[in-house]
Amino acid sequence: MEEIYRSQFRFPYSLYEQLKKAADANRRSVNAELVARLEASFGPASTLILVDEYHRVEPASPERALALIEQLKGELLGLTATPKE
C-alpha cells in the first residue's frame, strides 16, 4: 500500500465549489477528485505537445483542425472518465 501524506490546503471557496461539483458529477469524493486532477496534471503532456506541434508545423486547414479537435476530445474523455465501481 502506498504511503499517504496528509495535508490541509487553503484555496478560494469558489474553487472548492467547482471541485465539489466535479466530484459529484464523477461520483467521487472531493479528495479523490483532487487527487485525480493532480495526477492528470503530472501525467504525460501529450495534449500540450500535440497542440504546440500543430501550431508550429501544420498549415491552417479546417480538416486538420477538426482532426486535432477530435483527438483532443478523445484524450479529454479519457482523463475525465468516471472510474468503474
PDB file of N, CA and C in Angstrom:
ATOM      1  N   MET A   1       0.842  -1.190   0.000  1.00  0.00           N
ATOM      2  CA  MET A   1       0.000   0.000   0.000  1.00  0.00           C
ATOM      3  C   MET A   1       0.882   1.247   0.000  1.00  0.00           C
ATOM      4  N   GLU A   2       0.513   2.201  -0.817  1.00  0.00           N
ATOM      5  CA  GLU A   2       1.285   3.433  -0.912  1.00  0.00           C
ATOM      6  C   GLU A   2       1.089   4.279   0.338  1.00  0.00           C
ATOM      7  N   GLU A   3       2.170   4.891   0.791  1.00  0.00           N
ATOM      8  CA  GLU A   3       2.103   5.765   1.955  1.00  0.00           C
ATOM      9  C   GLU A   3       1.273   7.006   1.609  1.00  0.00           C
ATOM     10  N   ILE A   4       0.463   7.440   2.536  1.00  0.00           N
ATOM     11  CA  ILE A   4      -0.412   8.597   2.320  1.00  0.00           C
ATOM     12  C   ILE A   4       0.123   9.802   3.092  1.00  0.00           C
ATOM     13  N   TYR A   5       0.234  10.913   2.413  1.00  0.00           N
ATOM     14  CA  TYR A   5       0.620  12.174   3.033  1.00  0.00           C
ATOM     15  C   TYR A   5      -0.649  12.953   3.327  1.00  0.00           C
ATOM     16  N   ARG A   6      -0.811  13.385   4.547  1.00  0.00           N
ATOM     17  CA  ARG A   6      -1.998  14.152   4.930  1.00  0.00           C
ATOM     18  C   ARG A   6      -1.638  15.632   4.979  1.00  0.00           C
ATOM     19  N   SER A   7      -2.534  16.446   4.462  1.00  0.00           N
ATOM     20  CA  SER A   7      -2.286  17.881   4.427  1.00  0.00           C
ATOM     21  C   SER A   7      -3.600  18.637   4.410  1.00  0.00           C
ATOM     22  N   GLN A   8      -3.514  19.892   4.732  1.00  0.00           N
ATOM     23  CA  GLN A   8      -4.657  20.794   4.591  1.00  0.00           C
ATOM     24  C   GLN A   8      -4.254  21.864   3.580  1.00  0.00           C
ATOM     25  N   PHE A   9      -5.150  22.123   2.664  1.00  0.00           N
ATOM     26  CA  PHE A   9      -4.905  23.152   1.665  1.00  0.00           C
ATOM     27  C   PHE A   9      -5.908  24.270   1.852  1.00  0.00           C
ATOM     28  N   ARG A  10      -5.462  25.463   1.565  1.00  0.00           N
ATOM     29  CA  ARG A  10      -6.362  26.607   1.594  1.00  0.00           C
ATOM     30  C   ARG A  10      -6.483  27.120   0.162  1.00  0.00           C
ATOM     31  N   PHE A  11      -7.724  27.244  -0.288  1.00  0.00           N
ATOM     32  CA  PHE A  11      -7.965  27.807  -1.607  1.00  0.00           C
ATOM     33  C   PHE A  11      -9.339  28.456  -1.597  1.00  0.00           C
ATOM     34  N   PRO A  12      -9.617  29.315  -2.563  1.00  0.00           N
ATOM     35  CA  PRO A  12     -10.881  30.057  -2.570  1.00  0.00           C
ATOM     36  C   PRO A  12     -12.093  29.123  -2.537  1.00  0.00           C
ATOM     37  N   TYR A  13     -13.110  29.556  -1.805  1.00  0.00           N
ATOM     38  CA  TYR A  13     -14.317  28.743  -1.674  1.00  0.00           C
ATOM     39  C   TYR A  13     -14.967  28.495  -3.034  1.00  0.00           C
ATOM     40  N   SER A  14     -14.889  29.470  -3.918  1.00  0.00           N
ATOM     41  CA  SER A  14     -15.473  29.284  -5.253  1.00  0.00           C
ATOM     42  C   SER A  14     -14.788  28.131  -5.991  1.00  0.00           C
ATOM     43  N   LEU A  15     -13.489  27.965  -5.788  1.00  0.00           N
ATOM     44  CA  LEU A  15     -12.768  26.849  -6.392  1.00  0.00           C
ATOM     45  C   LEU A  15     -13.199  25.530  -5.751  1.00  0.00           C
ATOM     46  N   TYR A  16     -13.390  25.543  -4.435  1.00  0.00           N
ATOM     47  CA  TYR A  16     -13.894  24.346  -3.754  1.00  0.00           C
ATOM     48  C   TYR A  16     -15.259  23.951  -4.314  1.00  0.00           C
ATOM     49  N   GLU A  17     -16.124  24.924  -4.540  1.00  0.00           N
ATOM     50  CA  GLU A  17     -17.457  24.626  -5.078  1.00  0.00           C
ATOM     51  C   GLU A  17     -17.358  23.973  -6.455  1.00  0.00           C
ATOM     52  N   GLN A  18     -16.445  24.454  -7.286  1.00  0.00           N
ATOM     53  CA  GLN A  18     -16.244  23.849  -8.607  1.00  0.00           C
ATOM     54  C   GLN A  18     -15.729  22.417  -8.466  1.00  0.00           C
ATOM     55  N   LEU A  19     -14.795  22.226  -7.548  1.00  0.00           N
ATOM     56  CA  LEU A  19     -14.241  20.898  -7.309  1.00  0.00           C
ATOM     57  C   LEU A  19     -15.310  19.951  -6.788  1.00  0.00           C
ATOM     58  N   LYS A  20     -16.141  20.428  -5.878  1.00  0.00           N
ATOM     59  CA  LYS A  20     -17.224  19.618  -5.315  1.00  0.00           C
ATOM     60  C   LYS A  20     -18.217  19.229  -6.405  1.00  0.00           C
ATOM     61  N   LYS A  21     -18.563  20.165  -7.267  1.00  0.00           N
ATOM     62  CA  LYS A  21     -19.497  19.884  -8.361  1.00  0.00           C
ATOM     63  C   LYS A  21     -18.920  18.818  -9.296  1.00  0.00           C
ATOM     64  N   ALA A  22     -17.641  18.942  -9.626  1.00  0.00           N
ATOM     65  CA  ALA A  22     -16.986  17.950 -10.486  1.00  0.00           C
ATOM     66  C   ALA A  22     -16.915  16.593  -9.795  1.00  0.00           C
ATOM     67  N   ALA A  23     -16.621  16.591  -8.505  1.00  0.00           N
ATOM     68  CA  ALA A  23     -16.559  15.334  -7.750  1.00  0.00           C
ATOM     69  C   ALA A  23     -17.918  14.649  -7.744  1.00  0.00           C
ATOM     70  N   ASP A  24     -18.964  15.404  -7.529  1.00  0.00           N
ATOM     71  CA  ASP A  24     -20.319  14.834  -7.547  1.00  0.00           C
ATOM     72  C   ASP A  24     -20.642  14.248  -8.920  1.00  0.00           C
ATOM     73  N   ALA A  25     -20.288  14.984  -9.966  1.00  0.00           N
ATOM     74  CA  ALA A  25     -20.566  14.520 -11.325  1.00  0.00           C
ATOM     75  C   ALA A  25     -19.802  13.235 -11.649  1.00  0.00           C
ATOM     76  N   ASN A  26     -18.612  13.096 -11.081  1.00  0.00           N
ATOM     77  CA  ASN A  26     -17.778  11.917 -11.323  1.00  0.00           C
ATOM     78  C   ASN A  26     -17.963  10.830 -10.267  1.00  0.00           C
ATOM     79  N   ARG A  27     -18.899  11.070  -9.355  1.00  0.00           N
ATOM     80  CA  ARG A  27     -19.200  10.114  -8.280  1.00  0.00           C
ATOM     81  C   ARG A  27     -17.948   9.769  -7.476  1.00  0.00           C
ATOM     82  N   ARG A  28     -17.223  10.822  -7.091  1.00  0.00           N
ATOM     83  CA  ARG A  28     -16.015  10.676  -6.282  1.00  0.00           C
ATOM     84  C   ARG A  28     -16.111  11.618  -5.095  1.00  0.00           C
ATOM     85  N   SER A  29     -15.298  11.361  -4.101  1.00  0.00           N
ATOM     86  CA  SER A  29     -15.168  12.310  -3.003  1.00  0.00           C
ATOM     87  C   SER A  29     -14.381  13.514  -3.518  1.00  0.00           C
ATOM     88  N   VAL A  30     -14.450  14.608  -2.786  1.00  0.00           N
ATOM     89  CA  VAL A  30     -13.681  15.791  -3.170  1.00  0.00           C
ATOM     90  C   VAL A  30     -12.194  15.446  -3.154  1.00  0.00           C
ATOM     91  N   ASN A  31     -11.761  14.687  -2.153  1.00  0.00           N
ATOM     92  CA  ASN A  31     -10.360  14.284  -2.074  1.00  0.00           C
ATOM     93  C   ASN A  31      -9.959  13.460  -3.297  1.00  0.00           C
ATOM     94  N   ALA A  32     -10.781  12.481  -3.666  1.00  0.00           N
ATOM     95  CA  ALA A  32     -10.467  11.638  -4.824  1.00  0.00           C
ATOM     96  C   ALA A  32     -10.437  12.464  -6.109  1.00  0.00           C
ATOM     97  N   GLU A  33     -11.330  13.431  -6.222  1.00  0.00           N
ATOM     98  CA  GLU A  33     -11.348  14.305  -7.404  1.00  0.00           C
ATOM     99  C   GLU A  33     -10.069  15.132  -7.467  1.00  0.00           C
ATOM    100  N   LEU A  34      -9.665  15.674  -6.333  1.00  0.00           N
ATOM    101  CA  LEU A  34      -8.448  16.476  -6.268  1.00  0.00           C
ATOM    102  C   LEU A  34      -7.228  15.631  -6.639  1.00  0.00           C
ATOM    103  N   VAL A  35      -7.140  14.425  -6.098  1.00  0.00           N
ATOM    104  CA  VAL A  35      -6.021  13.532  -6.408  1.00  0.00           C
ATOM    105  C   VAL A  35      -6.017  13.179  -7.893  1.00  0.00           C
ATOM    106  N   ALA A  36      -7.183  12.856  -8.456  1.00  0.00           N
ATOM    107  CA  ALA A  36      -7.264  12.504  -9.877  1.00  0.00           C
ATOM    108  C   ALA A  36      -6.807  13.661 -10.755  1.00  0.00           C
ATOM    109  N   ARG A  37      -7.223  14.859 -10.397  1.00  0.00           N
ATOM    110  CA  ARG A  37      -6.836  16.022 -11.197  1.00  0.00           C
ATOM    111  C   ARG A  37      -5.347  16.330 -11.068  1.00  0.00           C
ATOM    112  N   LEU A  38      -4.805  16.177  -9.880  1.00  0.00           N
ATOM    113  CA  LEU A  38      -3.366  16.394  -9.703  1.00  0.00           C
ATOM    114  C   LEU A  38      -2.563  15.341 -10.459  1.00  0.00           C
ATOM    115  N   GLU A  39      -2.980  14.082 -10.363  1.00  0.00           N
ATOM    116  CA  GLU A  39      -2.282  13.025 -11.097  1.00  0.00           C
ATOM    117  C   GLU A  39      -2.313  13.295 -12.600  1.00  0.00           C
ATOM    118  N   ALA A  40      -3.453  13.725 -13.108  1.00  0.00           N
ATOM    119  CA  ALA A  40      -3.565  14.018 -14.539  1.00  0.00           C
ATOM    120  C   ALA A  40      -2.649  15.173 -14.934  1.00  0.00           C
ATOM    121  N   SER A  41      -2.497  16.153 -14.055  1.00  0.00           N
ATOM    122  CA  SER A  41      -1.663  17.309 -14.388  1.00  0.00           C
ATOM    123  C   SER A  41      -0.181  16.955 -14.433  1.00  0.00           C
ATOM    124  N   PHE A  42       0.221  15.890 -13.745  1.00  0.00           N
ATOM    125  CA  PHE A  42       1.612  15.469 -13.760  1.00  0.00           C
ATOM    126  C   PHE A  42       1.863  14.331 -14.743  1.00  0.00           C
ATOM    127  N   GLY A  43       0.806  13.901 -15.430  1.00  0.00           N
ATOM    128  CA  GLY A  43       0.921  12.815 -16.398  1.00  0.00           C
ATOM    129  C   GLY A  43       1.542  13.298 -17.688  1.00  0.00           C
ATOM    130  N   PRO A  44       1.522  12.425 -18.688  1.00  0.00           N
ATOM    131  CA  PRO A  44       2.098  12.808 -19.981  1.00  0.00           C
ATOM    132  C   PRO A  44       1.448  14.081 -20.520  1.00  0.00           C
ATOM    133  N   ALA A  45       2.271  14.932 -21.043  1.00  0.00           N
ATOM    134  CA  ALA A  45       1.774  16.201 -21.580  1.00  0.00           C
ATOM    135  C   ALA A  45       1.505  16.078 -23.071  1.00  0.00           C
ATOM    136  N   SER A  46       1.010  14.919 -23.487  1.00  0.00           N
ATOM    137  CA  SER A  46       0.829  14.682 -24.917  1.00  0.00           C
ATOM    138  C   SER A  46      -0.127  15.674 -25.553  1.00  0.00           C
ATOM    139  N   THR A  47      -1.159  16.078 -24.831  1.00  0.00           N
ATOM    140  CA  THR A  47      -2.117  17.026 -25.391  1.00  0.00           C
ATOM    141  C   THR A  47      -1.453  18.370 -25.650  1.00  0.00           C
ATOM    142  N   LEU A  48      -0.674  18.859 -24.695  1.00  0.00           N
ATOM    143  CA  LEU A  48       0.002  20.140 -24.874  1.00  0.00           C
ATOM    144  C   LEU A  48       1.028  20.064 -25.993  1.00  0.00           C
ATOM    145  N   ILE A  49       1.742  18.970 -26.063  1.00  0.00           N
ATOM    146  CA  ILE A  49       2.726  18.796 -27.126  1.00  0.00           C
ATOM    147  C   ILE A  49       2.035  18.771 -28.482  1.00  0.00           C
ATOM    148  N   LEU A  50       0.922  18.061 -28.559  1.00  0.00           N
ATOM    149  CA  LEU A  50       0.172  17.963 -29.806  1.00  0.00           C
ATOM    150  C   LEU A  50      -0.276  19.340 -30.285  1.00  0.00           C
ATOM    151  N   VAL A  51      -0.822  20.136 -29.405  1.00  0.00           N
ATOM    152  CA  VAL A  51      -1.280  21.478 -29.768  1.00  0.00           C
ATOM    153  C   VAL A  51      -0.099  22.348 -30.180  1.00  0.00           C
ATOM    154  N   ASP A  52       0.989  22.284 -29.420  1.00  0.00           N
ATOM    155  CA  ASP A  52       2.169  23.078 -29.744  1.00  0.00           C
ATOM    156  C   ASP A  52       2.721  22.691 -31.117  1.00  0.00           C
ATOM    157  N   GLU A  53       2.825  21.391 -31.387  1.00  0.00           N
ATOM    158  CA  GLU A  53       3.327  20.947 -32.681  1.00  0.00           C
ATOM    159  C   GLU A  53       2.415  21.402 -33.816  1.00  0.00           C
ATOM    160  N   TYR A  54       1.122  21.332 -33.590  1.00  0.00           N
ATOM    161  CA  TYR A  54       0.171  21.759 -34.619  1.00  0.00           C
ATOM    162  C   TYR A  54       0.406  23.218 -34.991  1.00  0.00           C
ATOM    163  N   HIS A  55       0.584  24.057 -33.978  1.00  0.00           N
ATOM    164  CA  HIS A  55       0.763  25.484 -34.248  1.00  0.00           C
ATOM    165  C   HIS A  55       2.098  25.776 -34.927  1.00  0.00           C
ATOM    166  N   ARG A  56       3.094  24.942 -34.694  1.00  0.00           N
ATOM    167  CA  ARG A  56       4.411  25.199 -35.268  1.00  0.00           C
ATOM    168  C   ARG A  56       4.574  24.663 -36.685  1.00  0.00           C
ATOM    169  N   VAL A  57       3.999  23.492 -36.988  1.00  0.00           N
ATOM    170  CA  VAL A  57       4.329  22.856 -38.263  1.00  0.00           C
ATOM    171  C   VAL A  57       3.164  22.670 -39.225  1.00  0.00           C
ATOM    172  N   GLU A  58       1.950  22.700 -38.764  1.00  0.00           N
ATOM    173  CA  GLU A  58       0.813  22.411 -39.637  1.00  0.00           C
ATOM    174  C   GLU A  58       0.283  23.669 -40.316  1.00  0.00           C
ATOM    175  N   PRO A  59      -0.012  23.557 -41.595  1.00  0.00           N
ATOM    176  CA  PRO A  59      -0.701  24.678 -42.236  1.00  0.00           C
ATOM    177  C   PRO A  59      -2.122  24.782 -41.676  1.00  0.00           C
ATOM    178  N   ALA A  60      -2.653  25.955 -41.696  1.00  0.00           N
ATOM    179  CA  ALA A  60      -4.005  26.161 -41.162  1.00  0.00           C
ATOM    180  C   ALA A  60      -5.020  25.593 -42.145  1.00  0.00           C
ATOM    181  N   SER A  61      -5.517  24.405 -41.841  1.00  0.00           N
ATOM    182  CA  SER A  61      -6.564  23.825 -42.679  1.00  0.00           C
ATOM    183  C   SER A  61      -7.711  23.389 -41.778  1.00  0.00           C
ATOM    184  N   PRO A  62      -8.934  23.649 -42.184  1.00  0.00           N
ATOM    185  CA  PRO A  62     -10.085  23.253 -41.366  1.00  0.00           C
ATOM    186  C   PRO A  62     -10.126  21.749 -41.104  1.00  0.00           C
ATOM    187  N   GLU A  63      -9.729  20.947 -42.078  1.00  0.00           N
ATOM    188  CA  GLU A  63      -9.758  19.494 -41.905  1.00  0.00           C
ATOM    189  C   GLU A  63      -8.786  19.056 -40.815  1.00  0.00           C
ATOM    190  N   ARG A  64      -7.586  19.610 -40.835  1.00  0.00           N
ATOM    191  CA  ARG A  64      -6.576  19.258 -39.820  1.00  0.00           C
ATOM    192  C   ARG A  64      -7.011  19.755 -38.447  1.00  0.00           C
ATOM    193  N   ALA A  65      -7.608  20.931 -38.389  1.00  0.00           N
ATOM    194  CA  ALA A  65      -8.096  21.461 -37.115  1.00  0.00           C
ATOM    195  C   ALA A  65      -9.182  20.559 -36.537  1.00  0.00           C
ATOM    196  N   LEU A  66     -10.101  20.089 -37.371  1.00  0.00           N
ATOM    197  CA  LEU A  66     -11.160  19.188 -36.895  1.00  0.00           C
ATOM    198  C   LEU A  66     -10.582  17.863 -36.411  1.00  0.00           C
ATOM    199  N   ALA A  67      -9.578  17.348 -37.110  1.00  0.00           N
ATOM    200  CA  ALA A  67      -8.936  16.101 -36.685  1.00  0.00           C
ATOM    201  C   ALA A  67      -8.261  16.285 -35.329  1.00  0.00           C
ATOM    202  N   LEU A  68      -7.607  17.419 -35.142  1.00  0.00           N
ATOM    203  CA  LEU A  68      -6.962  17.714 -33.863  1.00  0.00           C
ATOM    204  C   LEU A  68      -7.999  17.825 -32.752  1.00  0.00           C
ATOM    205  N   ILE A  69      -9.104  18.482 -33.025  1.00  0.00           N
ATOM    206  CA  ILE A  69     -10.172  18.618 -32.031  1.00  0.00           C
ATOM    207  C   ILE A  69     -10.696  17.246 -31.626  1.00  0.00           C
ATOM    208  N   GLU A  70     -10.909  16.366 -32.584  1.00  0.00           N
ATOM    209  CA  GLU A  70     -11.394  15.012 -32.274  1.00  0.00           C
ATOM    210  C   GLU A  70     -10.381  14.243 -31.436  1.00  0.00           C
ATOM    211  N   GLN A  71      -9.109  14.397 -31.752  1.00  0.00           N
ATOM    212  CA  GLN A  71      -8.069  13.708 -30.986  1.00  0.00           C
ATOM    213  C   GLN A  71      -8.023  14.242 -29.557  1.00  0.00           C
ATOM    214  N   LEU A  72      -8.085  15.555 -29.413  1.00  0.00           N
ATOM    215  CA  LEU A  72      -8.085  16.157 -28.079  1.00  0.00           C
ATOM    216  C   LEU A  72      -9.326  15.746 -27.295  1.00  0.00           C
ATOM    217  N   LYS A  73     -10.458  15.672 -27.965  1.00  0.00           N
ATOM    218  CA  LYS A  73     -11.699  15.248 -27.320  1.00  0.00           C
ATOM    219  C   LYS A  73     -11.536  13.848 -26.733  1.00  0.00           C
ATOM    220  N   GLY A  74     -10.942  12.951 -27.492  1.00  0.00           N
ATOM    221  CA  GLY A  74     -10.714  11.595 -27.001  1.00  0.00           C
ATOM    222  C   GLY A  74      -9.814  11.574 -25.784  1.00  0.00           C
ATOM    223  N   GLU A  75      -8.754  12.375 -25.814  1.00  0.00           N
ATOM    224  CA  GLU A  75      -7.852  12.431 -24.668  1.00  0.00           C
ATOM    225  C   GLU A  75      -8.549  13.010 -23.447  1.00  0.00           C
ATOM    226  N   LEU A  76      -9.335  14.062 -23.640  1.00  0.00           N
ATOM    227  CA  LEU A  76     -10.051  14.665 -22.516  1.00  0.00           C
ATOM    228  C   LEU A  76     -11.079  13.708 -21.927  1.00  0.00           C
ATOM    229  N   LEU A  77     -11.782  12.980 -22.776  1.00  0.00           N
ATOM    230  CA  LEU A  77     -12.747  11.997 -22.276  1.00  0.00           C
ATOM    231  C   LEU A  77     -12.042  10.924 -21.461  1.00  0.00           C
ATOM    232  N   GLY A  78     -10.858  10.541 -21.885  1.00  0.00           N
ATOM    233  CA  GLY A  78     -10.091   9.556 -21.128  1.00  0.00           C
ATOM    234  C   GLY A  78      -9.663  10.077 -19.771  1.00  0.00           C
ATOM    235  N   LEU A  79      -9.330  11.356 -19.697  1.00  0.00           N
ATOM    236  CA  LEU A  79      -8.916  11.945 -18.424  1.00  0.00           C
ATOM    237  C   LEU A  79     -10.076  12.149 -17.465  1.00  0.00           C
ATOM    238  N   THR A  80     -11.259  12.345 -18.000  1.00  0.00           N
ATOM    239  CA  THR A  80     -12.405  12.651 -17.139  1.00  0.00           C
ATOM    240  C   THR A  80     -13.359  11.487 -16.983  1.00  0.00           C
ATOM    241  N   ALA A  81     -12.974  10.319 -17.451  1.00  0.00           N
ATOM    242  CA  ALA A  81     -13.861   9.153 -17.363  1.00  0.00           C
ATOM    243  C   ALA A  81     -14.159   8.810 -15.909  1.00  0.00           C
ATOM    244  N   THR A  82     -15.397   8.443 -15.661  1.00  0.00           N
ATOM    245  CA  THR A  82     -15.806   8.029 -14.323  1.00  0.00           C
ATOM    246  C   THR A  82     -15.185   6.673 -14.029  1.00  0.00           C
ATOM    247  N   PRO A  83     -14.542   6.537 -12.864  1.00  0.00           N
ATOM    248  CA  PRO A  83     -13.940   5.245 -12.538  1.00  0.00           C
ATOM    249  C   PRO A  83     -14.996   4.161 -12.388  1.00  0.00           C
ATOM    250  N   LYS A  84     -14.632   2.956 -12.789  1.00  0.00           N
ATOM    251  CA  LYS A  84     -15.554   1.826 -12.668  1.00  0.00           C
ATOM    252  C   LYS A  84     -15.654   1.414 -11.211  1.00  0.00           C
ATOM    253  N   GLU A  85     -16.874   1.019 -10.837  1.00  0.00           N
ATOM    254  CA  GLU A  85     -17.081   0.604  -9.444  1.00  0.00           C
ATOM    255  C   GLU A  85     -16.781  -0.859  -9.269  1.00  0.00           C
TER     256      GLU A  85
END
